[in-house]
Amino acid sequence: IGDTKIGASFVDLMEKSFKEIIVSCEK
């Protein structure tokens, strides 16, 4: 999530992490 040059915001990390957790839980 994010690369060493551009990176991702803290909110981006939260959004993508929650999405992955939700997908796995629902499955």
mmCIF file of all heavy atoms, coordinates in Angstrom:
data_MODEL
# 
_entry.id   MODEL 
# 
loop_
_atom_site.group_PDB 
_atom_site.id 
_atom_site.type_symbol 
_atom_site.label_atom_id 
_atom_site.label_alt_id 
_atom_site.label_comp_id 
_atom_site.label_asym_id 
_atom_site.label_entity_id 
_atom_site.label_seq_id 
_atom_site.pdbx_PDB_ins_code 
_atom_site.Cartn_x 
_atom_site.Cartn_y 
_atom_site.Cartn_z 
_atom_site.occupancy 
_atom_site.B_iso_or_equiv 
_atom_site.pdbx_formal_charge 
_atom_site.auth_seq_id 
_atom_site.auth_comp_id 
_atom_site.auth_asym_id 
_atom_site.auth_atom_id 
_atom_site.pdbx_PDB_model_num 
ATOM 1   N N   . ILE A 1 1  ? 0.873   -1.175  0.000  1.00 0.00 ? 1  ILE A N   1 
ATOM 2   C CA  . ILE A 1 1  ? 0.000   0.000   0.000  1.00 0.00 ? 1  ILE A CA  1 
ATOM 3   C C   . ILE A 1 1  ? 0.909   1.224   0.000  1.00 0.00 ? 1  ILE A C   1 
ATOM 4   O O   . ILE A 1 1  ? 1.594   1.505   0.981  1.00 0.00 ? 1  ILE A O   1 
ATOM 5   C CB  . ILE A 1 1  ? -0.907  0.036   1.232  1.00 0.00 ? 1  ILE A CB  1 
ATOM 6   C CG1 . ILE A 1 1  ? -1.747  -1.238  1.323  1.00 0.00 ? 1  ILE A CG1 1 
ATOM 7   C CG2 . ILE A 1 1  ? -1.810  1.257   1.190  1.00 0.00 ? 1  ILE A CG2 1 
ATOM 8   C CD1 . ILE A 1 1  ? -2.616  -1.294  2.555  1.00 0.00 ? 1  ILE A CD1 1 
ATOM 9   N N   . GLY A 1 2  ? 0.925   1.940   -1.087 1.00 0.00 ? 2  GLY A N   1 
ATOM 10  C CA  . GLY A 1 2  ? 1.831   3.074   -1.224 1.00 0.00 ? 2  GLY A CA  1 
ATOM 11  C C   . GLY A 1 2  ? 3.237   2.605   -1.546 1.00 0.00 ? 2  GLY A C   1 
ATOM 12  O O   . GLY A 1 2  ? 3.650   1.531   -1.110 1.00 0.00 ? 2  GLY A O   1 
ATOM 13  N N   . ASP A 1 3  ? 3.959   3.390   -2.329 1.00 0.00 ? 3  ASP A N   1 
ATOM 14  C CA  . ASP A 1 3  ? 5.351   3.032   -2.614 1.00 0.00 ? 3  ASP A CA  1 
ATOM 15  C C   . ASP A 1 3  ? 6.288   4.000   -1.908 1.00 0.00 ? 3  ASP A C   1 
ATOM 16  O O   . ASP A 1 3  ? 5.857   4.979   -1.289 1.00 0.00 ? 3  ASP A O   1 
ATOM 17  C CB  . ASP A 1 3  ? 5.620   3.012   -4.128 1.00 0.00 ? 3  ASP A CB  1 
ATOM 18  C CG  . ASP A 1 3  ? 5.324   4.346   -4.801 1.00 0.00 ? 3  ASP A CG  1 
ATOM 19  O OD1 . ASP A 1 3  ? 5.673   5.390   -4.224 1.00 0.00 ? 3  ASP A OD1 1 
ATOM 20  O OD2 . ASP A 1 3  ? 4.751   4.342   -5.900 1.00 0.00 ? 3  ASP A OD2 1 
ATOM 21  N N   . THR A 1 4  ? 7.576   3.729   -1.989 1.00 0.00 ? 4  THR A N   1 
ATOM 22  C CA  . THR A 1 4  ? 8.552   4.512   -1.232 1.00 0.00 ? 4  THR A CA  1 
ATOM 23  C C   . THR A 1 4  ? 8.687   5.945   -1.728 1.00 0.00 ? 4  THR A C   1 
ATOM 24  O O   . THR A 1 4  ? 9.176   6.809   -1.006 1.00 0.00 ? 4  THR A O   1 
ATOM 25  C CB  . THR A 1 4  ? 9.934   3.828   -1.287 1.00 0.00 ? 4  THR A CB  1 
ATOM 26  O OG1 . THR A 1 4  ? 10.302  3.627   -2.664 1.00 0.00 ? 4  THR A OG1 1 
ATOM 27  C CG2 . THR A 1 4  ? 9.894   2.472   -0.590 1.00 0.00 ? 4  THR A CG2 1 
ATOM 28  N N   . LYS A 1 5  ? 8.236   6.214   -2.944 1.00 0.00 ? 5  LYS A N   1 
ATOM 29  C CA  . LYS A 1 5  ? 8.351   7.568   -3.491 1.00 0.00 ? 5  LYS A CA  1 
ATOM 30  C C   . LYS A 1 5  ? 7.113   8.411   -3.191 1.00 0.00 ? 5  LYS A C   1 
ATOM 31  O O   . LYS A 1 5  ? 7.205   9.541   -2.734 1.00 0.00 ? 5  LYS A O   1 
ATOM 32  C CB  . LYS A 1 5  ? 8.594   7.509   -4.995 1.00 0.00 ? 5  LYS A CB  1 
ATOM 33  C CG  . LYS A 1 5  ? 9.969   6.968   -5.380 1.00 0.00 ? 5  LYS A CG  1 
ATOM 34  C CD  . LYS A 1 5  ? 10.164  7.023   -6.889 1.00 0.00 ? 5  LYS A CD  1 
ATOM 35  C CE  . LYS A 1 5  ? 11.550  6.511   -7.269 1.00 0.00 ? 5  LYS A CE  1 
ATOM 36  N NZ  . LYS A 1 5  ? 11.778  6.547   -8.746 1.00 0.00 ? 5  LYS A NZ  1 
ATOM 37  N N   . ILE A 1 6  ? 5.937   7.853   -3.468 1.00 0.00 ? 6  ILE A N   1 
ATOM 38  C CA  . ILE A 1 6  ? 4.706   8.618   -3.306 1.00 0.00 ? 6  ILE A CA  1 
ATOM 39  C C   . ILE A 1 6  ? 4.063   8.344   -1.945 1.00 0.00 ? 6  ILE A C   1 
ATOM 40  O O   . ILE A 1 6  ? 3.680   9.248   -1.219 1.00 0.00 ? 6  ILE A O   1 
ATOM 41  C CB  . ILE A 1 6  ? 3.705   8.283   -4.433 1.00 0.00 ? 6  ILE A CB  1 
ATOM 42  C CG1 . ILE A 1 6  ? 4.328   8.603   -5.798 1.00 0.00 ? 6  ILE A CG1 1 
ATOM 43  C CG2 . ILE A 1 6  ? 2.405   9.052   -4.240 1.00 0.00 ? 6  ILE A CG2 1 
ATOM 44  C CD1 . ILE A 1 6  ? 3.477   8.192   -6.973 1.00 0.00 ? 6  ILE A CD1 1 
ATOM 45  N N   . GLY A 1 7  ? 3.941   7.073   -1.586 1.00 0.00 ? 7  GLY A N   1 
ATOM 46  C CA  . GLY A 1 7  ? 3.354   6.702   -0.310 1.00 0.00 ? 7  GLY A CA  1 
ATOM 47  C C   . GLY A 1 7  ? 1.834   6.819   -0.310 1.00 0.00 ? 7  GLY A C   1 
ATOM 48  O O   . GLY A 1 7  ? 1.217   7.261   -1.276 1.00 0.00 ? 7  GLY A O   1 
ATOM 49  N N   . ALA A 1 8  ? 1.245   6.396   0.792  1.00 0.00 ? 8  ALA A N   1 
ATOM 50  C CA  . ALA A 1 8  ? -0.202  6.468   0.982  1.00 0.00 ? 8  ALA A CA  1 
ATOM 51  C C   . ALA A 1 8  ? -0.465  7.222   2.278  1.00 0.00 ? 8  ALA A C   1 
ATOM 52  O O   . ALA A 1 8  ? 0.332   7.166   3.213  1.00 0.00 ? 8  ALA A O   1 
ATOM 53  C CB  . ALA A 1 8  ? -0.796  5.065   1.054  1.00 0.00 ? 8  ALA A CB  1 
ATOM 54  N N   . SER A 1 9  ? -1.576  7.931   2.328  1.00 0.00 ? 9  SER A N   1 
ATOM 55  C CA  . SER A 1 9  ? -1.913  8.657   3.554  1.00 0.00 ? 9  SER A CA  1 
ATOM 56  C C   . SER A 1 9  ? -2.363  7.662   4.629  1.00 0.00 ? 9  SER A C   1 
ATOM 57  O O   . SER A 1 9  ? -2.684  6.509   4.334  1.00 0.00 ? 9  SER A O   1 
ATOM 58  C CB  . SER A 1 9  ? -3.016  9.683   3.293  1.00 0.00 ? 9  SER A CB  1 
ATOM 59  O OG  . SER A 1 9  ? -4.251  9.030   3.048  1.00 0.00 ? 9  SER A OG  1 
ATOM 60  N N   . PHE A 1 10 ? -2.413  8.133   5.868  1.00 0.00 ? 10 PHE A N   1 
ATOM 61  C CA  . PHE A 1 10 ? -2.880  7.296   6.977  1.00 0.00 ? 10 PHE A CA  1 
ATOM 62  C C   . PHE A 1 10 ? -4.310  6.831   6.713  1.00 0.00 ? 10 PHE A C   1 
ATOM 63  O O   . PHE A 1 10 ? -4.674  5.692   7.014  1.00 0.00 ? 10 PHE A O   1 
ATOM 64  C CB  . PHE A 1 10 ? -2.801  8.084   8.285  1.00 0.00 ? 10 PHE A CB  1 
ATOM 65  C CG  . PHE A 1 10 ? -3.225  7.309   9.499  1.00 0.00 ? 10 PHE A CG  1 
ATOM 66  C CD1 . PHE A 1 10 ? -2.443  6.265   9.977  1.00 0.00 ? 10 PHE A CD1 1 
ATOM 67  C CD2 . PHE A 1 10 ? -4.399  7.611   10.166 1.00 0.00 ? 10 PHE A CD2 1 
ATOM 68  C CE1 . PHE A 1 10 ? -2.831  5.536   11.101 1.00 0.00 ? 10 PHE A CE1 1 
ATOM 69  C CE2 . PHE A 1 10 ? -4.795  6.899   11.288 1.00 0.00 ? 10 PHE A CE2 1 
ATOM 70  C CZ  . PHE A 1 10 ? -4.006  5.865   11.761 1.00 0.00 ? 10 PHE A CZ  1 
ATOM 71  N N   . VAL A 1 11 ? -5.120  7.706   6.121  1.00 0.00 ? 11 VAL A N   1 
ATOM 72  C CA  . VAL A 1 11 ? -6.509  7.353   5.800  1.00 0.00 ? 11 VAL A CA  1 
ATOM 73  C C   . VAL A 1 11 ? -6.548  6.258   4.728  1.00 0.00 ? 11 VAL A C   1 
ATOM 74  O O   . VAL A 1 11 ? -7.389  5.350   4.783  1.00 0.00 ? 11 VAL A O   1 
ATOM 75  C CB  . VAL A 1 11 ? -7.295  8.592   5.323  1.00 0.00 ? 11 VAL A CB  1 
ATOM 76  C CG1 . VAL A 1 11 ? -8.740  8.219   5.022  1.00 0.00 ? 11 VAL A CG1 1 
ATOM 77  C CG2 . VAL A 1 11 ? -7.248  9.686   6.362  1.00 0.00 ? 11 VAL A CG2 1 
ATOM 78  N N   . ASP A 1 12 ? -5.650  6.330   3.751  1.00 0.00 ? 12 ASP A N   1 
ATOM 79  C CA  . ASP A 1 12 ? -5.560  5.284   2.723  1.00 0.00 ? 12 ASP A CA  1 
ATOM 80  C C   . ASP A 1 12 ? -5.278  3.929   3.365  1.00 0.00 ? 12 ASP A C   1 
ATOM 81  O O   . ASP A 1 12 ? -5.868  2.908   2.996  1.00 0.00 ? 12 ASP A O   1 
ATOM 82  C CB  . ASP A 1 12 ? -4.457  5.596   1.714  1.00 0.00 ? 12 ASP A CB  1 
ATOM 83  C CG  . ASP A 1 12 ? -4.819  6.739   0.789  1.00 0.00 ? 12 ASP A CG  1 
ATOM 84  O OD1 . ASP A 1 12 ? -6.019  6.942   0.546  1.00 0.00 ? 12 ASP A OD1 1 
ATOM 85  O OD2 . ASP A 1 12 ? -3.899  7.430   0.322  1.00 0.00 ? 12 ASP A OD2 1 
ATOM 86  N N   . LEU A 1 13 ? -4.354  3.915   4.334  1.00 0.00 ? 13 LEU A N   1 
ATOM 87  C CA  . LEU A 1 13 ? -4.028  2.673   5.040  1.00 0.00 ? 13 LEU A CA  1 
ATOM 88  C C   . LEU A 1 13 ? -5.256  2.132   5.766  1.00 0.00 ? 13 LEU A C   1 
ATOM 89  O O   . LEU A 1 13 ? -5.544  0.933   5.707  1.00 0.00 ? 13 LEU A O   1 
ATOM 90  C CB  . LEU A 1 13 ? -2.899  2.906   6.054  1.00 0.00 ? 13 LEU A CB  1 
ATOM 91  C CG  . LEU A 1 13 ? -1.523  3.293   5.527  1.00 0.00 ? 13 LEU A CG  1 
ATOM 92  C CD1 . LEU A 1 13 ? -0.525  3.366   6.676  1.00 0.00 ? 13 LEU A CD1 1 
ATOM 93  C CD2 . LEU A 1 13 ? -1.023  2.320   4.474  1.00 0.00 ? 13 LEU A CD2 1 
ATOM 94  N N   . MET A 1 14 ? -5.973  3.017   6.442  1.00 0.00 ? 14 MET A N   1 
ATOM 95  C CA  . MET A 1 14 ? -7.189  2.610   7.164  1.00 0.00 ? 14 MET A CA  1 
ATOM 96  C C   . MET A 1 14 ? -8.229  2.050   6.190  1.00 0.00 ? 14 MET A C   1 
ATOM 97  O O   . MET A 1 14 ? -8.819  0.992   6.437  1.00 0.00 ? 14 MET A O   1 
ATOM 98  C CB  . MET A 1 14 ? -7.776  3.808   7.902  1.00 0.00 ? 14 MET A CB  1 
ATOM 99  C CG  . MET A 1 14 ? -6.988  4.278   9.100  1.00 0.00 ? 14 MET A CG  1 
ATOM 100 S SD  . MET A 1 14 ? -7.204  3.211   10.542 1.00 0.00 ? 14 MET A SD  1 
ATOM 101 C CE  . MET A 1 14 ? -8.944  3.438   10.885 1.00 0.00 ? 14 MET A CE  1 
ATOM 102 N N   . GLU A 1 15 ? -8.445  2.746   5.091  1.00 0.00 ? 15 GLU A N   1 
ATOM 103 C CA  . GLU A 1 15 ? -9.471  2.346   4.129  1.00 0.00 ? 15 GLU A CA  1 
ATOM 104 C C   . GLU A 1 15 ? -9.180  0.974   3.534  1.00 0.00 ? 15 GLU A C   1 
ATOM 105 O O   . GLU A 1 15 ? -10.051 0.095   3.501  1.00 0.00 ? 15 GLU A O   1 
ATOM 106 C CB  . GLU A 1 15 ? -9.558  3.387   3.014  1.00 0.00 ? 15 GLU A CB  1 
ATOM 107 C CG  . GLU A 1 15 ? -10.664 3.114   2.005  1.00 0.00 ? 15 GLU A CG  1 
ATOM 108 C CD  . GLU A 1 15 ? -10.742 4.186   0.924  1.00 0.00 ? 15 GLU A CD  1 
ATOM 109 O OE1 . GLU A 1 15 ? -9.820  5.022   0.842  1.00 0.00 ? 15 GLU A OE1 1 
ATOM 110 O OE2 . GLU A 1 15 ? -11.721 4.168   0.161  1.00 0.00 ? 15 GLU A OE2 1 
ATOM 111 N N   . LYS A 1 16 ? -7.945  0.769   3.090  1.00 0.00 ? 16 LYS A N   1 
ATOM 112 C CA  . LYS A 1 16 ? -7.595  -0.501  2.443  1.00 0.00 ? 16 LYS A CA  1 
ATOM 113 C C   . LYS A 1 16 ? -7.538  -1.647  3.452  1.00 0.00 ? 16 LYS A C   1 
ATOM 114 O O   . LYS A 1 16 ? -7.917  -2.781  3.138  1.00 0.00 ? 16 LYS A O   1 
ATOM 115 C CB  . LYS A 1 16 ? -6.273  -0.358  1.693  1.00 0.00 ? 16 LYS A CB  1 
ATOM 116 C CG  . LYS A 1 16 ? -6.389  0.528   0.453  1.00 0.00 ? 16 LYS A CG  1 
ATOM 117 C CD  . LYS A 1 16 ? -5.062  0.651   -0.273 1.00 0.00 ? 16 LYS A CD  1 
ATOM 118 C CE  . LYS A 1 16 ? -5.236  1.350   -1.626 1.00 0.00 ? 16 LYS A CE  1 
ATOM 119 N NZ  . LYS A 1 16 ? -5.766  2.717   -1.504 1.00 0.00 ? 16 LYS A NZ  1 
ATOM 120 N N   . SER A 1 17 ? -7.066  -1.368  4.670  1.00 0.00 ? 17 SER A N   1 
ATOM 121 C CA  . SER A 1 17 ? -7.003  -2.409  5.699  1.00 0.00 ? 17 SER A CA  1 
ATOM 122 C C   . SER A 1 17 ? -8.399  -2.868  6.099  1.00 0.00 ? 17 SER A C   1 
ATOM 123 O O   . SER A 1 17 ? -8.668  -4.071  6.205  1.00 0.00 ? 17 SER A O   1 
ATOM 124 C CB  . SER A 1 17 ? -6.261  -1.889  6.935  1.00 0.00 ? 17 SER A CB  1 
ATOM 125 O OG  . SER A 1 17 ? -4.924  -1.558  6.624  1.00 0.00 ? 17 SER A OG  1 
ATOM 126 N N   . PHE A 1 18 ? -9.309  -1.912  6.325  1.00 0.00 ? 18 PHE A N   1 
ATOM 127 C CA  . PHE A 1 18 ? -10.682 -2.260  6.698  1.00 0.00 ? 18 PHE A CA  1 
ATOM 128 C C   . PHE A 1 18 ? -11.363 -3.043  5.572  1.00 0.00 ? 18 PHE A C   1 
ATOM 129 O O   . PHE A 1 18 ? -12.103 -4.001  5.835  1.00 0.00 ? 18 PHE A O   1 
ATOM 130 C CB  . PHE A 1 18 ? -11.481 -0.995  7.027  1.00 0.00 ? 18 PHE A CB  1 
ATOM 131 C CG  . PHE A 1 18 ? -11.686 -0.798  8.501  1.00 0.00 ? 18 PHE A CG  1 
ATOM 132 C CD1 . PHE A 1 18 ? -10.653 -0.316  9.294  1.00 0.00 ? 18 PHE A CD1 1 
ATOM 133 C CD2 . PHE A 1 18 ? -12.885 -1.122  9.108  1.00 0.00 ? 18 PHE A CD2 1 
ATOM 134 C CE1 . PHE A 1 18 ? -10.828 -0.144  10.659 1.00 0.00 ? 18 PHE A CE1 1 
ATOM 135 C CE2 . PHE A 1 18 ? -13.078 -0.952  10.467 1.00 0.00 ? 18 PHE A CE2 1 
ATOM 136 C CZ  . PHE A 1 18 ? -12.037 -0.459  11.254 1.00 0.00 ? 18 PHE A CZ  1 
ATOM 137 N N   . LYS A 1 19 ? -11.123 -2.634  4.342  1.00 0.00 ? 19 LYS A N   1 
ATOM 138 C CA  . LYS A 1 19 ? -11.746 -3.327  3.210  1.00 0.00 ? 19 LYS A CA  1 
ATOM 139 C C   . LYS A 1 19 ? -11.312 -4.788  3.168  1.00 0.00 ? 19 LYS A C   1 
ATOM 140 O O   . LYS A 1 19 ? -12.143 -5.690  2.978  1.00 0.00 ? 19 LYS A O   1 
ATOM 141 C CB  . LYS A 1 19 ? -11.378 -2.637  1.898  1.00 0.00 ? 19 LYS A CB  1 
ATOM 142 C CG  . LYS A 1 19 ? -12.026 -3.289  0.677  1.00 0.00 ? 19 LYS A CG  1 
ATOM 143 C CD  . LYS A 1 19 ? -11.675 -2.535  -0.607 1.00 0.00 ? 19 LYS A CD  1 
ATOM 144 C CE  . LYS A 1 19 ? -12.345 -3.193  -1.815 1.00 0.00 ? 19 LYS A CE  1 
ATOM 145 N NZ  . LYS A 1 19 ? -12.036 -2.472  -3.076 1.00 0.00 ? 19 LYS A NZ  1 
ATOM 146 N N   . GLU A 1 20 ? -10.018 -5.036  3.374  1.00 0.00 ? 20 GLU A N   1 
ATOM 147 C CA  . GLU A 1 20 ? -9.503  -6.405  3.336  1.00 0.00 ? 20 GLU A CA  1 
ATOM 148 C C   . GLU A 1 20 ? -10.069 -7.231  4.485  1.00 0.00 ? 20 GLU A C   1 
ATOM 149 O O   . GLU A 1 20 ? -10.418 -8.404  4.317  1.00 0.00 ? 20 GLU A O   1 
ATOM 150 C CB  . GLU A 1 20 ? -7.976  -6.386  3.395  1.00 0.00 ? 20 GLU A CB  1 
ATOM 151 C CG  . GLU A 1 20 ? -7.320  -7.711  3.055  1.00 0.00 ? 20 GLU A CG  1 
ATOM 152 C CD  . GLU A 1 20 ? -7.594  -8.145  1.624  1.00 0.00 ? 20 GLU A CD  1 
ATOM 153 O OE1 . GLU A 1 20 ? -7.674  -7.276  0.738  1.00 0.00 ? 20 GLU A OE1 1 
ATOM 154 O OE2 . GLU A 1 20 ? -7.721  -9.363  1.395  1.00 0.00 ? 20 GLU A OE2 1 
ATOM 155 N N   . ILE A 1 21 ? -10.163 -6.625  5.674  1.00 0.00 ? 21 ILE A N   1 
ATOM 156 C CA  . ILE A 1 21 ? -10.734 -7.316  6.828  1.00 0.00 ? 21 ILE A CA  1 
ATOM 157 C C   . ILE A 1 21 ? -12.198 -7.655  6.578  1.00 0.00 ? 21 ILE A C   1 
ATOM 158 O O   . ILE A 1 21 ? -12.655 -8.768  6.863  1.00 0.00 ? 21 ILE A O   1 
ATOM 159 C CB  . ILE A 1 21 ? -10.583 -6.457  8.102  1.00 0.00 ? 21 ILE A CB  1 
ATOM 160 C CG1 . ILE A 1 21 ? -9.112  -6.405  8.531  1.00 0.00 ? 21 ILE A CG1 1 
ATOM 161 C CG2 . ILE A 1 21 ? -11.439 -7.017  9.240  1.00 0.00 ? 21 ILE A CG2 1 
ATOM 162 C CD1 . ILE A 1 21 ? -8.831  -5.412  9.643  1.00 0.00 ? 21 ILE A CD1 1 
ATOM 163 N N   . ILE A 1 22 ? -12.955 -6.713  6.033  1.00 0.00 ? 22 ILE A N   1 
ATOM 164 C CA  . ILE A 1 22 ? -14.382 -6.927  5.753  1.00 0.00 ? 22 ILE A CA  1 
ATOM 165 C C   . ILE A 1 22 ? -14.584 -8.034  4.726  1.00 0.00 ? 22 ILE A C   1 
ATOM 166 O O   . ILE A 1 22 ? -15.439 -8.915  4.898  1.00 0.00 ? 22 ILE A O   1 
ATOM 167 C CB  . ILE A 1 22 ? -15.039 -5.608  5.269  1.00 0.00 ? 22 ILE A CB  1 
ATOM 168 C CG1 . ILE A 1 22 ? -15.184 -4.646  6.452  1.00 0.00 ? 22 ILE A CG1 1 
ATOM 169 C CG2 . ILE A 1 22 ? -16.403 -5.874  4.643  1.00 0.00 ? 22 ILE A CG2 1 
ATOM 170 C CD1 . ILE A 1 22 ? -15.628 -3.254  6.060  1.00 0.00 ? 22 ILE A CD1 1 
ATOM 171 N N   . VAL A 1 23 ? -13.798 -8.020  3.652  1.00 0.00 ? 23 VAL A N   1 
ATOM 172 C CA  . VAL A 1 23 ? -13.907 -9.056  2.613  1.00 0.00 ? 23 VAL A CA  1 
ATOM 173 C C   . VAL A 1 23 ? -13.647 -10.439 3.205  1.00 0.00 ? 23 VAL A C   1 
ATOM 174 O O   . VAL A 1 23 ? -14.391 -11.396 2.939  1.00 0.00 ? 23 VAL A O   1 
ATOM 175 C CB  . VAL A 1 23 ? -12.927 -8.771  1.458  1.00 0.00 ? 23 VAL A CB  1 
ATOM 176 C CG1 . VAL A 1 23 ? -12.818 -9.974  0.524  1.00 0.00 ? 23 VAL A CG1 1 
ATOM 177 C CG2 . VAL A 1 23 ? -13.362 -7.546  0.662  1.00 0.00 ? 23 VAL A CG2 1 
ATOM 178 N N   . SER A 1 24 ? -12.597 -10.543 4.034  1.00 0.00 ? 24 SER A N   1 
ATOM 179 C CA  . SER A 1 24 ? -12.246 -11.838 4.638  1.00 0.00 ? 24 SER A CA  1 
ATOM 180 C C   . SER A 1 24 ? -13.309 -12.298 5.627  1.00 0.00 ? 24 SER A C   1 
ATOM 181 O O   . SER A 1 24 ? -13.695 -13.478 5.643  1.00 0.00 ? 24 SER A O   1 
ATOM 182 C CB  . SER A 1 24 ? -10.890 -11.740 5.341  1.00 0.00 ? 24 SER A CB  1 
ATOM 183 O OG  . SER A 1 24 ? -9.856  -11.498 4.422  1.00 0.00 ? 24 SER A OG  1 
ATOM 184 N N   . CYS A 1 25 ? -13.815 -11.374 6.453  1.00 0.00 ? 25 CYS A N   1 
ATOM 185 C CA  . CYS A 1 25 ? -14.844 -11.732 7.438  1.00 0.00 ? 25 CYS A CA  1 
ATOM 186 C C   . CYS A 1 25 ? -16.125 -12.188 6.749  1.00 0.00 ? 25 CYS A C   1 
ATOM 187 O O   . CYS A 1 25 ? -16.715 -13.201 7.137  1.00 0.00 ? 25 CYS A O   1 
ATOM 188 C CB  . CYS A 1 25 ? -15.134 -10.550 8.354  1.00 0.00 ? 25 CYS A CB  1 
ATOM 189 S SG  . CYS A 1 25 ? -13.857 -10.214 9.577  1.00 0.00 ? 25 CYS A SG  1 
ATOM 190 N N   . GLU A 1 26 ? -16.550 -11.445 5.735  1.00 0.00 ? 26 GLU A N   1 
ATOM 191 C CA  . GLU A 1 26 ? -17.780 -11.804 5.033  1.00 0.00 ? 26 GLU A CA  1 
ATOM 192 C C   . GLU A 1 26 ? -17.653 -13.176 4.381  1.00 0.00 ? 26 GLU A C   1 
ATOM 193 O O   . GLU A 1 26 ? -18.589 -13.993 4.435  1.00 0.00 ? 26 GLU A O   1 
ATOM 194 C CB  . GLU A 1 26 ? -18.097 -10.757 3.973  1.00 0.00 ? 26 GLU A CB  1 
ATOM 195 C CG  . GLU A 1 26 ? -19.446 -10.976 3.302  1.00 0.00 ? 26 GLU A CG  1 
ATOM 196 C CD  . GLU A 1 26 ? -19.813 -9.837  2.367  1.00 0.00 ? 26 GLU A CD  1 
ATOM 197 O OE1 . GLU A 1 26 ? -18.889 -9.256  1.767  1.00 0.00 ? 26 GLU A OE1 1 
ATOM 198 O OE2 . GLU A 1 26 ? -21.010 -9.537  2.240  1.00 0.00 ? 26 GLU A OE2 1 
ATOM 199 N N   . LYS A 1 27 ? -16.509 -13.444 3.794  1.00 0.00 ? 27 LYS A N   1 
ATOM 200 C CA  . LYS A 1 27 ? -16.267 -14.743 3.151  1.00 0.00 ? 27 LYS A CA  1 
ATOM 201 C C   . LYS A 1 27 ? -16.389 -15.883 4.152  1.00 0.00 ? 27 LYS A C   1 
ATOM 202 O O   . LYS A 1 27 ? -17.067 -16.892 3.891  1.00 0.00 ? 27 LYS A O   1 
ATOM 203 C CB  . LYS A 1 27 ? -14.881 -14.744 2.506  1.00 0.00 ? 27 LYS A CB  1 
ATOM 204 C CG  . LYS A 1 27 ? -14.472 -16.076 1.901  1.00 0.00 ? 27 LYS A CG  1 
ATOM 205 C CD  . LYS A 1 27 ? -13.041 -16.005 1.366  1.00 0.00 ? 27 LYS A CD  1 
ATOM 206 C CE  . LYS A 1 27 ? -12.569 -17.371 0.885  1.00 0.00 ? 27 LYS A CE  1 
ATOM 207 N NZ  . LYS A 1 27 ? -11.155 -17.300 0.406  1.00 0.00 ? 27 LYS A NZ  1 
# 
